[in-house]
Amino acid sequence: MTVPPSYRAAPTNEPIRALQAASDLLKALASPVRLGIVRELSDGEKYVHELVAALGVSQPLVSQHLRVLRTSRIVTAHRQAREIRYGLTDDHVAHIVLDAVRHAQE
């Protein structure tokens, strides 16, 4: 199997802070609910009630996981009237999650 250059392991002289940042990102994603939120947001911004309906979990649980994702700067929030719409900060995270889900289904 040939790995594309952009996916190859970092050189051994990679600064530890870059590896720590990657580790922190993976820790923030280390929850089925958070992975589901990112998967849902890969289609575009959504309100909390839309995420609740799509994931089949409670609103407080979704809000708790959104807080973790916001703290990790994976998700952004935009107030619209009385509600908040959530979206992904960066599409790269969606690719990581969607690739991981596809891989797990193989």
PDB file of N, CA and C in Angstrom:
ATOM      1  N   MET A   1       0.846  -1.185   0.000  1.00  0.00           N
ATOM      2  CA  MET A   1       0.000   0.000   0.000  1.00  0.00           C
ATOM      3  C   MET A   1       0.886   1.242   0.000  1.00  0.00           C
ATOM      4  N   THR A   2       0.597   2.158  -0.872  1.00  0.00           N
ATOM      5  CA  THR A   2       1.334   3.417  -0.938  1.00  0.00           C
ATOM      6  C   THR A   2       0.500   4.511  -0.298  1.00  0.00           C
ATOM      7  N   VAL A   3       1.082   5.209   0.645  1.00  0.00           N
ATOM      8  CA  VAL A   3       0.396   6.286   1.357  1.00  0.00           C
ATOM      9  C   VAL A   3       0.704   7.600   0.641  1.00  0.00           C
ATOM     10  N   PRO A   4      -0.330   8.394   0.349  1.00  0.00           N
ATOM     11  CA  PRO A   4      -0.075   9.689  -0.295  1.00  0.00           C
ATOM     12  C   PRO A   4       0.862  10.544   0.556  1.00  0.00           C
ATOM     13  N   PRO A   5       1.692  11.372  -0.088  1.00  0.00           N
ATOM     14  CA  PRO A   5       2.657  12.196   0.667  1.00  0.00           C
ATOM     15  C   PRO A   5       2.014  13.017   1.772  1.00  0.00           C
ATOM     16  N   SER A   6       0.809  13.529   1.542  1.00  0.00           N
ATOM     17  CA  SER A   6       0.174  14.367   2.563  1.00  0.00           C
ATOM     18  C   SER A   6      -0.259  13.566   3.785  1.00  0.00           C
ATOM     19  N   TYR A   7      -0.309  12.221   3.678  1.00  0.00           N
ATOM     20  CA  TYR A   7      -0.731  11.370   4.792  1.00  0.00           C
ATOM     21  C   TYR A   7       0.432  10.684   5.485  1.00  0.00           C
ATOM     22  N   ARG A   8       1.627  10.840   4.952  1.00  0.00           N
ATOM     23  CA  ARG A   8       2.779  10.151   5.528  1.00  0.00           C
ATOM     24  C   ARG A   8       3.065  10.655   6.928  1.00  0.00           C
ATOM     25  N   ALA A   9       3.687   9.793   7.702  1.00  0.00           N
ATOM     26  CA  ALA A   9       4.058  10.155   9.071  1.00  0.00           C
ATOM     27  C   ALA A   9       4.990  11.356   9.052  1.00  0.00           C
ATOM     28  N   ALA A  10       4.866  12.161  10.063  1.00  0.00           N
ATOM     29  CA  ALA A  10       5.718  13.341  10.188  1.00  0.00           C
ATOM     30  C   ALA A  10       7.163  12.906  10.405  1.00  0.00           C
ATOM     31  N   PRO A  11       8.097  13.691   9.928  1.00  0.00           N
ATOM     32  CA  PRO A  11       9.503  13.352  10.176  1.00  0.00           C
ATOM     33  C   PRO A  11       9.785  13.290  11.671  1.00  0.00           C
ATOM     34  N   THR A  12      10.792  12.550  12.028  1.00  0.00           N
ATOM     35  CA  THR A  12      11.103  12.377  13.451  1.00  0.00           C
ATOM     36  C   THR A  12      11.512  13.672  14.125  1.00  0.00           C
ATOM     37  N   ASN A  13      11.865  14.683  13.355  1.00  0.00           N
ATOM     38  CA  ASN A  13      12.234  15.963  13.963  1.00  0.00           C
ATOM     39  C   ASN A  13      11.038  16.908  14.073  1.00  0.00           C
ATOM     40  N   GLU A  14       9.831  16.371  13.886  1.00  0.00           N
ATOM     41  CA  GLU A  14       8.601  17.169  14.001  1.00  0.00           C
ATOM     42  C   GLU A  14       8.545  17.775  15.404  1.00  0.00           C
ATOM     43  N   PRO A  15       8.287  19.075  15.487  1.00  0.00           N
ATOM     44  CA  PRO A  15       8.208  19.701  16.814  1.00  0.00           C
ATOM     45  C   PRO A  15       7.133  19.034  17.679  1.00  0.00           C
ATOM     46  N   ILE A  16       7.452  18.821  18.913  1.00  0.00           N
ATOM     47  CA  ILE A  16       6.540  18.150  19.833  1.00  0.00           C
ATOM     48  C   ILE A  16       5.230  18.915  19.963  1.00  0.00           C
ATOM     49  N   ARG A  17       5.237  20.232  19.803  1.00  0.00           N
ATOM     50  CA  ARG A  17       4.000  20.996  19.933  1.00  0.00           C
ATOM     51  C   ARG A  17       3.012  20.646  18.824  1.00  0.00           C
ATOM     52  N   ALA A  18       3.509  20.340  17.632  1.00  0.00           N
ATOM     53  CA  ALA A  18       2.617  19.935  16.536  1.00  0.00           C
ATOM     54  C   ALA A  18       2.002  18.574  16.846  1.00  0.00           C
ATOM     55  N   LEU A  19       2.801  17.677  17.396  1.00  0.00           N
ATOM     56  CA  LEU A  19       2.286  16.354  17.772  1.00  0.00           C
ATOM     57  C   LEU A  19       1.292  16.474  18.930  1.00  0.00           C
ATOM     58  N   GLN A  20       1.571  17.384  19.857  1.00  0.00           N
ATOM     59  CA  GLN A  20       0.651  17.600  20.979  1.00  0.00           C
ATOM     60  C   GLN A  20      -0.666  18.165  20.481  1.00  0.00           C
ATOM     61  N   ALA A  21      -0.609  19.099  19.535  1.00  0.00           N
ATOM     62  CA  ALA A  21      -1.836  19.677  18.975  1.00  0.00           C
ATOM     63  C   ALA A  21      -2.664  18.605  18.279  1.00  0.00           C
ATOM     64  N   ALA A  22      -2.015  17.705  17.544  1.00  0.00           N
ATOM     65  CA  ALA A  22      -2.731  16.606  16.887  1.00  0.00           C
ATOM     66  C   ALA A  22      -3.350  15.680  17.924  1.00  0.00           C
ATOM     67  N   SER A  23      -2.622  15.413  18.991  1.00  0.00           N
ATOM     68  CA  SER A  23      -3.138  14.572  20.074  1.00  0.00           C
ATOM     69  C   SER A  23      -4.349  15.215  20.741  1.00  0.00           C
ATOM     70  N   ASP A  24      -4.282  16.516  20.970  1.00  0.00           N
ATOM     71  CA  ASP A  24      -5.408  17.238  21.579  1.00  0.00           C
ATOM     72  C   ASP A  24      -6.640  17.196  20.681  1.00  0.00           C
ATOM     73  N   LEU A  25      -6.435  17.325  19.377  1.00  0.00           N
ATOM     74  CA  LEU A  25      -7.542  17.243  18.431  1.00  0.00           C
ATOM     75  C   LEU A  25      -8.207  15.875  18.504  1.00  0.00           C
ATOM     76  N   LEU A  26      -7.405  14.823  18.500  1.00  0.00           N
ATOM     77  CA  LEU A  26      -7.964  13.475  18.550  1.00  0.00           C
ATOM     78  C   LEU A  26      -8.678  13.208  19.878  1.00  0.00           C
ATOM     79  N   LYS A  27      -8.159  13.745  20.967  1.00  0.00           N
ATOM     80  CA  LYS A  27      -8.834  13.604  22.262  1.00  0.00           C
ATOM     81  C   LYS A  27     -10.199  14.289  22.237  1.00  0.00           C
ATOM     82  N   ALA A  28     -10.258  15.468  21.626  1.00  0.00           N
ATOM     83  CA  ALA A  28     -11.526  16.203  21.554  1.00  0.00           C
ATOM     84  C   ALA A  28     -12.556  15.452  20.721  1.00  0.00           C
ATOM     85  N   LEU A  29     -12.109  14.644  19.795  1.00  0.00           N
ATOM     86  CA  LEU A  29     -13.019  13.886  18.940  1.00  0.00           C
ATOM     87  C   LEU A  29     -13.356  12.509  19.513  1.00  0.00           C
ATOM     88  N   ALA A  30     -12.732  12.144  20.616  1.00  0.00           N
ATOM     89  CA  ALA A  30     -12.831  10.791  21.163  1.00  0.00           C
ATOM     90  C   ALA A  30     -14.147  10.528  21.894  1.00  0.00           C
ATOM     91  N   SER A  31     -15.244  10.677  21.180  1.00  0.00           N
ATOM     92  CA  SER A  31     -16.567  10.397  21.728  1.00  0.00           C
ATOM     93  C   SER A  31     -17.504  10.131  20.558  1.00  0.00           C
ATOM     94  N   PRO A  32     -18.312   9.071  20.638  1.00  0.00           N
ATOM     95  CA  PRO A  32     -19.260   8.814  19.550  1.00  0.00           C
ATOM     96  C   PRO A  32     -20.196   9.994  19.288  1.00  0.00           C
ATOM     97  N   VAL A  33     -20.629  10.678  20.328  1.00  0.00           N
ATOM     98  CA  VAL A  33     -21.536  11.816  20.137  1.00  0.00           C
ATOM     99  C   VAL A  33     -20.810  12.956  19.434  1.00  0.00           C
ATOM    100  N   ARG A  34     -19.579  13.238  19.825  1.00  0.00           N
ATOM    101  CA  ARG A  34     -18.829  14.313  19.178  1.00  0.00           C
ATOM    102  C   ARG A  34     -18.518  13.975  17.724  1.00  0.00           C
ATOM    103  N   LEU A  35     -18.205  12.714  17.457  1.00  0.00           N
ATOM    104  CA  LEU A  35     -17.999  12.296  16.066  1.00  0.00           C
ATOM    105  C   LEU A  35     -19.284  12.481  15.265  1.00  0.00           C
ATOM    106  N   GLY A  36     -20.406  12.146  15.878  1.00  0.00           N
ATOM    107  CA  GLY A  36     -21.694  12.332  15.213  1.00  0.00           C
ATOM    108  C   GLY A  36     -21.992  13.794  14.951  1.00  0.00           C
ATOM    109  N   ILE A  37     -21.664  14.648  15.884  1.00  0.00           N
ATOM    110  CA  ILE A  37     -21.881  16.087  15.696  1.00  0.00           C
ATOM    111  C   ILE A  37     -21.043  16.584  14.513  1.00  0.00           C
ATOM    112  N   VAL A  38     -19.786  16.210  14.478  1.00  0.00           N
ATOM    113  CA  VAL A  38     -18.926  16.642  13.371  1.00  0.00           C
ATOM    114  C   VAL A  38     -19.455  16.095  12.049  1.00  0.00           C
ATOM    115  N   ARG A  39     -19.880  14.837  12.045  1.00  0.00           N
ATOM    116  CA  ARG A  39     -20.450  14.253  10.820  1.00  0.00           C
ATOM    117  C   ARG A  39     -21.660  15.044  10.358  1.00  0.00           C
ATOM    118  N   GLU A  40     -22.550  15.397  11.278  1.00  0.00           N
ATOM    119  CA  GLU A  40     -23.745  16.170  10.921  1.00  0.00           C
ATOM    120  C   GLU A  40     -23.382  17.561  10.426  1.00  0.00           C
ATOM    121  N   LEU A  41     -22.396  18.184  11.055  1.00  0.00           N
ATOM    122  CA  LEU A  41     -21.999  19.533  10.671  1.00  0.00           C
ATOM    123  C   LEU A  41     -21.198  19.552   9.366  1.00  0.00           C
ATOM    124  N   SER A  42     -20.750  18.385   8.913  1.00  0.00           N
ATOM    125  CA  SER A  42     -20.020  18.339   7.641  1.00  0.00           C
ATOM    126  C   SER A  42     -20.934  18.724   6.478  1.00  0.00           C
ATOM    127  N   ASP A  43     -22.243  18.647   6.677  1.00  0.00           N
ATOM    128  CA  ASP A  43     -23.223  19.054   5.656  1.00  0.00           C
ATOM    129  C   ASP A  43     -23.568  20.534   5.750  1.00  0.00           C
ATOM    130  N   GLY A  44     -23.102  21.219   6.778  1.00  0.00           N
ATOM    131  CA  GLY A  44     -23.387  22.639   6.955  1.00  0.00           C
ATOM    132  C   GLY A  44     -23.841  22.933   8.368  1.00  0.00           C
ATOM    133  N   GLU A  45     -24.018  24.217   8.656  1.00  0.00           N
ATOM    134  CA  GLU A  45     -24.407  24.647  10.004  1.00  0.00           C
ATOM    135  C   GLU A  45     -25.770  24.089  10.389  1.00  0.00           C
ATOM    136  N   LYS A  46     -25.913  23.851  11.708  1.00  0.00           N
ATOM    137  CA  LYS A  46     -27.168  23.319  12.231  1.00  0.00           C
ATOM    138  C   LYS A  46     -27.445  23.913  13.608  1.00  0.00           C
ATOM    139  N   TYR A  47     -28.735  23.942  13.957  1.00  0.00           N
ATOM    140  CA  TYR A  47     -29.159  24.320  15.297  1.00  0.00           C
ATOM    141  C   TYR A  47     -29.059  23.106  16.210  1.00  0.00           C
ATOM    142  N   VAL A  48     -29.023  23.357  17.513  1.00  0.00           N
ATOM    143  CA  VAL A  48     -28.933  22.271  18.488  1.00  0.00           C
ATOM    144  C   VAL A  48     -30.097  21.295  18.301  1.00  0.00           C
ATOM    145  N   HIS A  49     -31.319  21.801  18.122  1.00  0.00           N
ATOM    146  CA  HIS A  49     -32.458  20.883  18.001  1.00  0.00           C
ATOM    147  C   HIS A  49     -32.328  19.986  16.765  1.00  0.00           C
ATOM    148  N   GLU A  50     -31.655  20.462  15.719  1.00  0.00           N
ATOM    149  CA  GLU A  50     -31.418  19.617  14.541  1.00  0.00           C
ATOM    150  C   GLU A  50     -30.409  18.517  14.858  1.00  0.00           C
ATOM    151  N   LEU A  51     -29.398  18.843  15.643  1.00  0.00           N
ATOM    152  CA  LEU A  51     -28.412  17.845  16.048  1.00  0.00           C
ATOM    153  C   LEU A  51     -29.037  16.807  16.973  1.00  0.00           C
ATOM    154  N   VAL A  52     -29.890  17.263  17.881  1.00  0.00           N
ATOM    155  CA  VAL A  52     -30.592  16.348  18.790  1.00  0.00           C
ATOM    156  C   VAL A  52     -31.420  15.346  17.993  1.00  0.00           C
ATOM    157  N   ALA A  53     -32.170  15.838  17.019  1.00  0.00           N
ATOM    158  CA  ALA A  53     -33.016  14.960  16.203  1.00  0.00           C
ATOM    159  C   ALA A  53     -32.175  13.980  15.382  1.00  0.00           C
ATOM    160  N   ALA A  54     -31.092  14.461  14.807  1.00  0.00           N
ATOM    161  CA  ALA A  54     -30.260  13.612  13.956  1.00  0.00           C
ATOM    162  C   ALA A  54     -29.530  12.536  14.743  1.00  0.00           C
ATOM    163  N   LEU A  55     -29.103  12.872  15.964  1.00  0.00           N
ATOM    164  CA  LEU A  55     -28.305  11.944  16.761  1.00  0.00           C
ATOM    165  C   LEU A  55     -29.131  11.087  17.705  1.00  0.00           C
ATOM    166  N   GLY A  56     -30.353  11.520  17.994  1.00  0.00           N
ATOM    167  CA  GLY A  56     -31.209  10.745  18.897  1.00  0.00           C
ATOM    168  C   GLY A  56     -30.741  10.744  20.334  1.00  0.00           C
ATOM    169  N   VAL A  57     -30.117  11.830  20.754  1.00  0.00           N
ATOM    170  CA  VAL A  57     -29.690  11.965  22.149  1.00  0.00           C
ATOM    171  C   VAL A  57     -30.299  13.236  22.721  1.00  0.00           C
ATOM    172  N   SER A  58     -30.174  13.415  24.021  1.00  0.00           N
ATOM    173  CA  SER A  58     -30.819  14.552  24.681  1.00  0.00           C
ATOM    174  C   SER A  58     -30.133  15.873  24.355  1.00  0.00           C
ATOM    175  N   GLN A  59     -30.896  16.951  24.491  1.00  0.00           N
ATOM    176  CA  GLN A  59     -30.359  18.298  24.248  1.00  0.00           C
ATOM    177  C   GLN A  59     -29.222  18.631  25.206  1.00  0.00           C
ATOM    178  N   PRO A  60     -29.355  18.321  26.525  1.00  0.00           N
ATOM    179  CA  PRO A  60     -28.232  18.632  27.417  1.00  0.00           C
ATOM    180  C   PRO A  60     -26.945  17.894  27.031  1.00  0.00           C
ATOM    181  N   LEU A  61     -27.091  16.655  26.551  1.00  0.00           N
ATOM    182  CA  LEU A  61     -25.909  15.893  26.156  1.00  0.00           C
ATOM    183  C   LEU A  61     -25.254  16.515  24.921  1.00  0.00           C
ATOM    184  N   VAL A  62     -26.049  16.904  23.938  1.00  0.00           N
ATOM    185  CA  VAL A  62     -25.513  17.564  22.749  1.00  0.00           C
ATOM    186  C   VAL A  62     -24.826  18.866  23.151  1.00  0.00           C
ATOM    187  N   SER A  63     -25.451  19.647  23.996  1.00  0.00           N
ATOM    188  CA  SER A  63     -24.862  20.919  24.433  1.00  0.00           C
ATOM    189  C   SER A  63     -23.534  20.709  25.152  1.00  0.00           C
ATOM    190  N   GLN A  64     -23.466  19.682  25.979  1.00  0.00           N
ATOM    191  CA  GLN A  64     -22.225  19.377  26.698  1.00  0.00           C
ATOM    192  C   GLN A  64     -21.104  19.056  25.701  1.00  0.00           C
ATOM    193  N   HIS A  65     -21.403  18.241  24.700  1.00  0.00           N
ATOM    194  CA  HIS A  65     -20.388  17.871  23.714  1.00  0.00           C
ATOM    195  C   HIS A  65     -20.033  19.051  22.810  1.00  0.00           C
ATOM    196  N   LEU A  66     -21.002  19.894  22.494  1.00  0.00           N
ATOM    197  CA  LEU A  66     -20.707  21.102  21.715  1.00  0.00           C
ATOM    198  C   LEU A  66     -19.746  22.005  22.471  1.00  0.00           C
ATOM    199  N   ARG A  67     -19.895  22.071  23.775  1.00  0.00           N
ATOM    200  CA  ARG A  67     -18.993  22.889  24.595  1.00  0.00           C
ATOM    201  C   ARG A  67     -17.553  22.380  24.461  1.00  0.00           C
ATOM    202  N   VAL A  68     -17.367  21.060  24.492  1.00  0.00           N
ATOM    203  CA  VAL A  68     -16.020  20.488  24.326  1.00  0.00           C
ATOM    204  C   VAL A  68     -15.471  20.831  22.941  1.00  0.00           C
ATOM    205  N   LEU A  69     -16.304  20.696  21.917  1.00  0.00           N
ATOM    206  CA  LEU A  69     -15.866  20.978  20.555  1.00  0.00           C
ATOM    207  C   LEU A  69     -15.568  22.462  20.343  1.00  0.00           C
ATOM    208  N   ARG A  70     -16.329  23.328  20.998  1.00  0.00           N
ATOM    209  CA  ARG A  70     -16.062  24.776  20.907  1.00  0.00           C
ATOM    210  C   ARG A  70     -14.762  25.119  21.615  1.00  0.00           C
ATOM    211  N   THR A  71     -14.557  24.561  22.785  1.00  0.00           N
ATOM    212  CA  THR A  71     -13.328  24.808  23.543  1.00  0.00           C
ATOM    213  C   THR A  71     -12.101  24.373  22.750  1.00  0.00           C
ATOM    214  N   SER A  72     -12.248  23.297  21.989  1.00  0.00           N
ATOM    215  CA  SER A  72     -11.151  22.772  21.173  1.00  0.00           C
ATOM    216  C   SER A  72     -11.049  23.470  19.819  1.00  0.00           C
ATOM    217  N   ARG A  73     -11.911  24.441  19.596  1.00  0.00           N
ATOM    218  CA  ARG A  73     -11.947  25.220  18.351  1.00  0.00           C
ATOM    219  C   ARG A  73     -12.245  24.369  17.121  1.00  0.00           C
ATOM    220  N   ILE A  74     -13.009  23.319  17.310  1.00  0.00           N
ATOM    221  CA  ILE A  74     -13.435  22.474  16.205  1.00  0.00           C
ATOM    222  C   ILE A  74     -14.753  22.995  15.642  1.00  0.00           C
ATOM    223  N   VAL A  75     -15.556  23.580  16.524  1.00  0.00           N
ATOM    224  CA  VAL A  75     -16.892  24.069  16.163  1.00  0.00           C
ATOM    225  C   VAL A  75     -16.988  25.554  16.507  1.00  0.00           C
ATOM    226  N   THR A  76     -17.697  26.284  15.663  1.00  0.00           N
ATOM    227  CA  THR A  76     -17.988  27.690  15.938  1.00  0.00           C
ATOM    228  C   THR A  76     -19.485  27.845  16.167  1.00  0.00           C
ATOM    229  N   ALA A  77     -19.854  28.929  16.826  1.00  0.00           N
ATOM    230  CA  ALA A  77     -21.260  29.206  17.124  1.00  0.00           C
ATOM    231  C   ALA A  77     -21.616  30.590  16.628  1.00  0.00           C
ATOM    232  N   HIS A  78     -22.798  30.700  16.003  1.00  0.00           N
ATOM    233  CA  HIS A  78     -23.292  31.974  15.493  1.00  0.00           C
ATOM    234  C   HIS A  78     -24.724  32.160  15.974  1.00  0.00           C
ATOM    235  N   ARG A  79     -24.935  33.221  16.727  1.00  0.00           N
ATOM    236  CA  ARG A  79     -26.281  33.497  17.219  1.00  0.00           C
ATOM    237  C   ARG A  79     -27.139  34.030  16.079  1.00  0.00           C
ATOM    238  N   GLN A  80     -28.350  33.460  15.959  1.00  0.00           N
ATOM    239  CA  GLN A  80     -29.349  33.944  15.008  1.00  0.00           C
ATOM    240  C   GLN A  80     -30.659  34.068  15.779  1.00  0.00           C
ATOM    241  N   ALA A  81     -31.017  35.293  16.072  1.00  0.00           N
ATOM    242  CA  ALA A  81     -32.194  35.584  16.895  1.00  0.00           C
ATOM    243  C   ALA A  81     -32.024  34.909  18.246  1.00  0.00           C
ATOM    244  N   ARG A  82     -32.929  33.997  18.602  1.00  0.00           N
ATOM    245  CA  ARG A  82     -32.878  33.360  19.924  1.00  0.00           C
ATOM    246  C   ARG A  82     -32.130  32.033  19.915  1.00  0.00           C
ATOM    247  N   GLU A  83     -31.676  31.613  18.750  1.00  0.00           N
ATOM    248  CA  GLU A  83     -31.002  30.322  18.655  1.00  0.00           C
ATOM    249  C   GLU A  83     -29.556  30.501  18.202  1.00  0.00           C
ATOM    250  N   ILE A  84     -28.798  29.438  18.376  1.00  0.00           N
ATOM    251  CA  ILE A  84     -27.398  29.431  17.961  1.00  0.00           C
ATOM    252  C   ILE A  84     -27.212  28.341  16.915  1.00  0.00           C
ATOM    253  N   ARG A  85     -26.562  28.730  15.813  1.00  0.00           N
ATOM    254  CA  ARG A  85     -26.207  27.769  14.769  1.00  0.00           C
ATOM    255  C   ARG A  85     -24.743  27.386  14.958  1.00  0.00           C
ATOM    256  N   TYR A  86     -24.490  26.106  14.839  1.00  0.00           N
ATOM    257  CA  TYR A  86     -23.138  25.594  14.995  1.00  0.00           C
ATOM    258  C   TYR A  86     -22.609  25.130  13.650  1.00  0.00           C
ATOM    259  N   GLY A  87     -21.323  25.348  13.442  1.00  0.00           N
ATOM    260  CA  GLY A  87     -20.668  24.923  12.214  1.00  0.00           C
ATOM    261  C   GLY A  87     -19.237  24.518  12.508  1.00  0.00           C
ATOM    262  N   LEU A  88     -18.623  23.898  11.536  1.00  0.00           N
ATOM    263  CA  LEU A  88     -17.235  23.478  11.685  1.00  0.00           C
ATOM    264  C   LEU A  88     -16.302  24.646  11.408  1.00  0.00           C
ATOM    265  N   THR A  89     -15.261  24.737  12.194  1.00  0.00           N
ATOM    266  CA  THR A  89     -14.250  25.758  12.005  1.00  0.00           C
ATOM    267  C   THR A  89     -13.428  25.467  10.755  1.00  0.00           C
ATOM    268  N   ASP A  90     -13.220  24.176  10.500  1.00  0.00           N
ATOM    269  CA  ASP A  90     -12.322  23.754   9.436  1.00  0.00           C
ATOM    270  C   ASP A  90     -12.833  22.448   8.836  1.00  0.00           C
ATOM    271  N   ASP A  91     -12.928  22.379   7.528  1.00  0.00           N
ATOM    272  CA  ASP A  91     -13.406  21.160   6.870  1.00  0.00           C
ATOM    273  C   ASP A  91     -12.450  19.983   7.011  1.00  0.00           C
ATOM    274  N   HIS A  92     -11.194  20.231   7.352  1.00  0.00           N
ATOM    275  CA  HIS A  92     -10.242  19.134   7.518  1.00  0.00           C
ATOM    276  C   HIS A  92     -10.706  18.161   8.595  1.00  0.00           C
ATOM    277  N   VAL A  93     -11.296  18.678   9.654  1.00  0.00           N
ATOM    278  CA  VAL A  93     -11.765  17.824  10.742  1.00  0.00           C
ATOM    279  C   VAL A  93     -12.870  16.901  10.240  1.00  0.00           C
ATOM    280  N   ALA A  94     -13.742  17.407   9.396  1.00  0.00           N
ATOM    281  CA  ALA A  94     -14.804  16.570   8.829  1.00  0.00           C
ATOM    282  C   ALA A  94     -14.198  15.429   8.029  1.00  0.00           C
ATOM    283  N   HIS A  95     -13.149  15.699   7.277  1.00  0.00           N
ATOM    284  CA  HIS A  95     -12.501  14.643   6.497  1.00  0.00           C
ATOM    285  C   HIS A  95     -11.919  13.572   7.417  1.00  0.00           C
ATOM    286  N   ILE A  96     -11.306  13.984   8.504  1.00  0.00           N
ATOM    287  CA  ILE A  96     -10.741  13.031   9.464  1.00  0.00           C
ATOM    288  C   ILE A  96     -11.841  12.125  10.000  1.00  0.00           C
ATOM    289  N   VAL A  97     -12.945  12.733  10.430  1.00  0.00           N
ATOM    290  CA  VAL A  97     -14.049  11.967  11.021  1.00  0.00           C
ATOM    291  C   VAL A  97     -14.693  11.060   9.976  1.00  0.00           C
ATOM    292  N   LEU A  98     -15.014  11.597   8.817  1.00  0.00           N
ATOM    293  CA  LEU A  98     -15.678  10.788   7.795  1.00  0.00           C
ATOM    294  C   LEU A  98     -14.784   9.648   7.326  1.00  0.00           C
ATOM    295  N   ASP A  99     -13.489   9.885   7.188  1.00  0.00           N
ATOM    296  CA  ASP A  99     -12.561   8.810   6.820  1.00  0.00           C
ATOM    297  C   ASP A  99     -12.496   7.747   7.910  1.00  0.00           C
ATOM    298  N   ALA A 100     -12.481   8.163   9.175  1.00  0.00           N
ATOM    299  CA  ALA A 100     -12.428   7.213  10.287  1.00  0.00           C
ATOM    300  C   ALA A 100     -13.685   6.347  10.329  1.00  0.00           C
ATOM    301  N   VAL A 101     -14.842   6.961  10.109  1.00  0.00           N
ATOM    302  CA  VAL A 101     -16.105   6.212  10.112  1.00  0.00           C
ATOM    303  C   VAL A 101     -16.119   5.218   8.954  1.00  0.00           C
ATOM    304  N   ARG A 102     -15.721   5.669   7.765  1.00  0.00           N
ATOM    305  CA  ARG A 102     -15.663   4.752   6.608  1.00  0.00           C
ATOM    306  C   ARG A 102     -14.721   3.606   6.878  1.00  0.00           C
ATOM    307  N   HIS A 103     -13.572   3.912   7.432  1.00  0.00           N
ATOM    308  CA  HIS A 103     -12.592   2.857   7.737  1.00  0.00           C
ATOM    309  C   HIS A 103     -13.159   1.847   8.737  1.00  0.00           C
ATOM    310  N   ALA A 104     -13.849   2.323   9.743  1.00  0.00           N
ATOM    311  CA  ALA A 104     -14.414   1.425  10.756  1.00  0.00           C
ATOM    312  C   ALA A 104     -15.516   0.540  10.175  1.00  0.00           C
ATOM    313  N   GLN A 105     -16.167   0.997   9.114  1.00  0.00           N
ATOM    314  CA  GLN A 105     -17.250   0.226   8.492  1.00  0.00           C
ATOM    315  C   GLN A 105     -16.721  -0.836   7.528  1.00  0.00           C
ATOM    316  N   GLU A 106     -15.441  -0.761   7.170  1.00  0.00           N
ATOM    317  CA  GLU A 106     -14.875  -1.740   6.223  1.00  0.00           C
ATOM    318  C   GLU A 106     -14.678  -3.079   6.870  1.00  0.00           C
TER     319      GLU A 106
END
